[in-house]
Amino acid sequence: MSSSNGDLDISPRDVVIMKVRVEYPTVSTRELSDILKNEYGIELSHNRINEILRELSESGAFRETIFPNQEMFRHYLFRIAFHYPNFAEGWESCYWDLREDPHVLMFFNADSRYHWHLVTQFRSDEQMGRWVHEFFKEHGDFLEDFHNTMLRNVHKFQTDAAIFDDILVETPEGRAYLEEHYGEIDTATDTEGTD
């Protein structure tokens, strides 16, 4: 199964394995083997599941990440608009500084005047303020505008296992796994634009 952008080739069975690992992140692979058999009809040894998870991780299909308790840090959304006269000479060093900065939790492009968005984490408003001050000293010529929003309460910060159903519904094999798990599924709207 190729992703919509064509850069990953993952079988529906392996998508189910990722889904179950996300749903049950702390269970052993022996327990995963039982869950896969009982809920999806997939019979694999715990050793084979370990191999598949390792192969998926090595292929870049998922990354194992540790997220600290959200109460340990304050989170902020930074939005950056470029000063285009200085873009060619400033973008790359700014990009790599942001990619390598330990305070940057997530860094992504957006379709707006603010092309770069960052979710950041700091211990205090004061620490964040010092970081922004140093960032402007280093990259101010590259910035047209910088918007900062404190994220006061992070209500959800996780990937839910059910999101993998959106991938599984795209193929007959994936739909068969979903039917094994849920019973009959309604694919009239879910499969629009697939197969």
Protein backbone atom coordinates (compact mmCIF):
# COMPACT_ATOMS: atom_id res chain seq x y z
CA MET A 1 0.00 0.00 0.00
CA SER A 2 1.55 3.27 -1.07
CA SER A 3 0.89 6.45 0.83
CA SER A 4 -0.85 9.28 -0.98
CA ASN A 5 2.50 10.89 -1.68
CA GLY A 6 3.96 7.58 -2.84
CA ASP A 7 7.00 7.46 -0.58
CA LEU A 8 6.08 4.50 1.65
CA ASP A 9 5.03 1.01 0.64
CA ILE A 10 3.36 -0.68 3.61
CA SER A 11 1.11 -3.72 3.44
CA PRO A 12 -2.34 -3.54 5.05
CA ARG A 13 -1.21 -6.26 7.49
CA ASP A 14 1.69 -4.08 8.62
CA VAL A 15 -0.62 -1.07 8.98
CA VAL A 16 -2.76 -3.20 11.33
CA ILE A 17 0.37 -4.11 13.31
CA MET A 18 1.26 -0.41 13.67
CA LYS A 19 -2.33 0.38 14.64
CA VAL A 20 -2.34 -2.25 17.38
CA ARG A 21 1.08 -1.11 18.67
CA VAL A 22 -0.23 2.49 18.90
CA GLU A 23 -3.41 1.31 20.63
CA TYR A 24 -1.47 -0.86 23.10
CA PRO A 25 1.94 0.82 23.44
CA THR A 26 3.08 -0.99 26.59
CA VAL A 27 2.03 -4.59 25.98
CA SER A 28 4.55 -7.26 25.07
CA THR A 29 4.82 -8.61 21.54
CA ARG A 30 3.38 -11.89 22.84
CA GLU A 31 0.26 -9.96 23.88
CA LEU A 32 0.27 -8.11 20.53
CA SER A 33 0.31 -11.50 18.81
CA ASP A 34 -2.82 -12.52 20.73
CA ILE A 35 -4.59 -9.22 19.98
CA LEU A 36 -3.78 -9.46 16.27
CA LYS A 37 -5.11 -13.02 16.14
CA ASN A 38 -8.27 -12.38 18.18
CA GLU A 39 -9.24 -8.99 16.74
CA TYR A 40 -7.95 -9.08 13.15
CA GLY A 41 -7.38 -12.73 12.29
CA ILE A 42 -3.64 -12.15 11.77
CA GLU A 43 -1.58 -15.07 13.07
CA LEU A 44 2.09 -14.20 13.62
CA SER A 45 4.62 -15.22 16.23
CA HIS A 46 5.80 -12.58 18.67
CA ASN A 47 9.28 -12.91 17.10
CA ARG A 48 7.91 -12.10 13.65
CA ILE A 49 5.98 -9.14 15.06
CA ASN A 50 9.23 -7.84 16.58
CA GLU A 51 10.95 -8.18 13.19
CA ILE A 52 8.12 -6.38 11.38
CA LEU A 53 8.08 -3.52 13.90
CA ARG A 54 11.86 -3.16 13.57
CA GLU A 55 11.62 -3.20 9.74
CA LEU A 56 8.85 -0.58 9.83
CA SER A 57 10.89 1.62 12.13
CA GLU A 58 13.99 1.27 9.95
CA SER A 59 11.96 2.12 6.83
CA GLY A 60 10.73 5.34 8.45
CA ALA A 61 7.08 4.22 8.69
CA PHE A 62 7.06 5.28 12.35
CA ARG A 63 9.42 6.62 14.97
CA GLU A 64 9.51 5.66 18.58
CA THR A 65 9.45 8.87 20.57
CA ILE A 66 9.26 9.61 24.27
CA PHE A 67 6.98 12.51 25.17
CA PRO A 68 7.41 13.97 28.63
CA ASN A 69 4.34 14.79 30.66
CA GLN A 70 2.90 18.00 29.19
CA GLU A 71 2.81 19.60 32.64
CA MET A 72 6.62 19.68 32.77
CA PHE A 73 6.77 22.40 30.08
CA ARG A 74 4.84 25.35 28.74
CA HIS A 75 4.00 25.03 25.07
CA TYR A 76 3.94 27.79 22.45
CA LEU A 77 3.04 28.12 18.81
CA PHE A 78 5.50 30.26 16.84
CA ARG A 79 4.62 31.38 13.31
CA ILE A 80 7.27 32.84 11.02
CA ALA A 81 6.80 34.96 7.90
CA PHE A 82 9.83 35.47 5.66
CA HIS A 83 11.46 38.74 4.68
CA TYR A 84 11.97 37.72 1.05
CA PRO A 85 14.79 40.14 0.15
CA ASN A 86 16.93 38.19 2.66
CA PHE A 87 15.43 34.76 1.99
CA ALA A 88 18.21 33.26 -0.16
CA GLU A 89 20.95 34.14 2.27
CA GLY A 90 19.04 33.48 5.52
CA TRP A 91 16.68 30.56 5.17
CA GLU A 92 19.08 27.62 5.45
CA SER A 93 20.88 28.61 8.66
CA CYS A 94 17.54 29.52 10.26
CA TYR A 95 16.02 26.23 9.12
CA TRP A 96 18.81 24.13 10.60
CA ASP A 97 18.93 26.12 13.82
CA LEU A 98 15.21 25.42 14.30
CA ARG A 99 15.50 21.75 13.32
CA GLU A 100 18.31 21.20 15.81
CA ASP A 101 16.91 23.27 18.67
CA PRO A 102 15.81 21.10 21.62
CA HIS A 103 12.93 23.47 22.41
CA VAL A 104 11.27 22.79 19.03
CA LEU A 105 8.83 19.93 19.40
CA MET A 106 7.26 20.15 15.93
CA PHE A 107 8.28 22.21 12.88
CA PHE A 108 6.15 22.33 9.74
CA ASN A 109 5.22 24.36 6.66
CA ALA A 110 1.78 25.91 6.33
CA ASP A 111 -0.20 27.51 3.53
CA SER A 112 -0.43 31.00 4.89
CA ARG A 113 1.54 34.20 5.16
CA TYR A 114 3.35 32.48 8.00
CA HIS A 115 5.11 29.69 6.12
CA TRP A 116 6.88 28.09 9.07
CA HIS A 117 5.04 27.04 12.21
CA LEU A 118 6.66 25.59 15.29
CA VAL A 119 5.29 24.02 18.43
CA THR A 120 7.87 24.69 21.12
CA GLN A 121 8.30 23.85 24.78
CA PHE A 122 10.02 25.79 27.53
CA ARG A 123 10.08 25.57 31.31
CA SER A 124 8.89 29.17 31.76
CA ASP A 125 7.74 32.30 29.96
CA GLU A 126 11.06 33.88 30.90
CA GLN A 127 13.05 31.10 29.25
CA MET A 128 10.88 31.41 26.13
CA GLY A 129 11.41 35.20 26.09
CA ARG A 130 15.19 34.80 26.25
CA TRP A 131 15.06 32.23 23.44
CA VAL A 132 13.00 34.59 21.21
CA HIS A 133 15.42 37.46 21.96
CA GLU A 134 18.42 35.34 20.91
CA PHE A 135 16.55 34.04 17.86
CA PHE A 136 15.87 37.61 16.69
CA LYS A 137 19.49 38.60 17.26
CA GLU A 138 20.62 35.68 15.08
CA HIS A 139 17.90 35.60 12.38
CA GLY A 140 16.05 38.92 12.55
CA ASP A 141 17.04 39.95 8.99
CA PHE A 142 15.31 36.84 7.66
CA LEU A 143 12.03 37.52 9.49
CA GLU A 144 9.20 39.63 8.10
CA ASP A 145 6.89 38.78 10.98
CA PHE A 146 6.91 36.50 14.02
CA HIS A 147 3.78 35.52 15.90
CA ASN A 148 3.86 33.84 19.29
CA THR A 149 0.92 32.17 21.03
CA MET A 150 1.10 30.43 24.39
CA LEU A 151 -0.81 27.14 24.34
CA ARG A 152 -2.32 27.28 27.81
CA ASN A 153 -3.92 23.84 27.94
CA VAL A 154 -2.91 20.98 25.69
CA HIS A 155 -6.03 18.80 25.76
CA LYS A 156 -4.79 16.06 23.46
CA PHE A 157 -1.29 15.18 22.35
CA GLN A 158 -1.26 11.73 20.79
CA THR A 159 -1.93 9.71 17.69
CA ASP A 160 -5.02 7.55 18.09
CA ALA A 161 -4.90 4.02 16.70
CA ALA A 162 -8.17 4.53 14.80
CA ILE A 163 -6.43 6.93 12.37
CA PHE A 164 -4.91 3.86 10.68
CA ASP A 165 -8.44 2.83 9.63
CA ASP A 166 -8.26 5.67 7.08
CA ILE A 167 -5.37 3.82 5.41
CA LEU A 168 -6.84 0.33 5.75
CA VAL A 169 -10.12 1.24 4.08
CA GLU A 170 -8.19 2.09 0.88
CA THR A 171 -7.59 -1.55 -0.17
CA PRO A 172 -9.65 -4.75 -0.23
CA GLU A 173 -7.16 -6.48 2.09
CA GLY A 174 -7.31 -3.58 4.54
CA ARG A 175 -11.11 -3.55 4.46
CA ALA A 176 -11.08 -7.29 5.21
CA TYR A 177 -9.01 -6.64 8.35
CA LEU A 178 -11.42 -3.88 9.39
CA GLU A 179 -14.40 -6.18 8.88
CA GLU A 180 -12.66 -8.86 10.96
CA HIS A 181 -12.24 -6.29 13.73
CA TYR A 182 -15.46 -4.26 13.56
CA GLY A 183 -17.84 -6.53 11.69
CA GLU A 184 -19.47 -5.06 8.58
CA ILE A 185 -18.14 -1.61 7.72
CA ASP A 186 -19.71 1.18 5.69
CA THR A 187 -17.28 1.93 2.87
CA ALA A 188 -19.56 4.15 0.77
CA THR A 189 -17.95 7.38 1.99
CA ASP A 190 -14.67 5.98 3.34
CA THR A 191 -13.44 4.56 0.03
CA GLU A 192 -14.29 7.55 -2.13
CA GLY A 193 -11.39 8.15 -4.50
CA THR A 194 -9.71 4.78 -3.81
CA ASP A 195 -9.53 1.49 -5.75
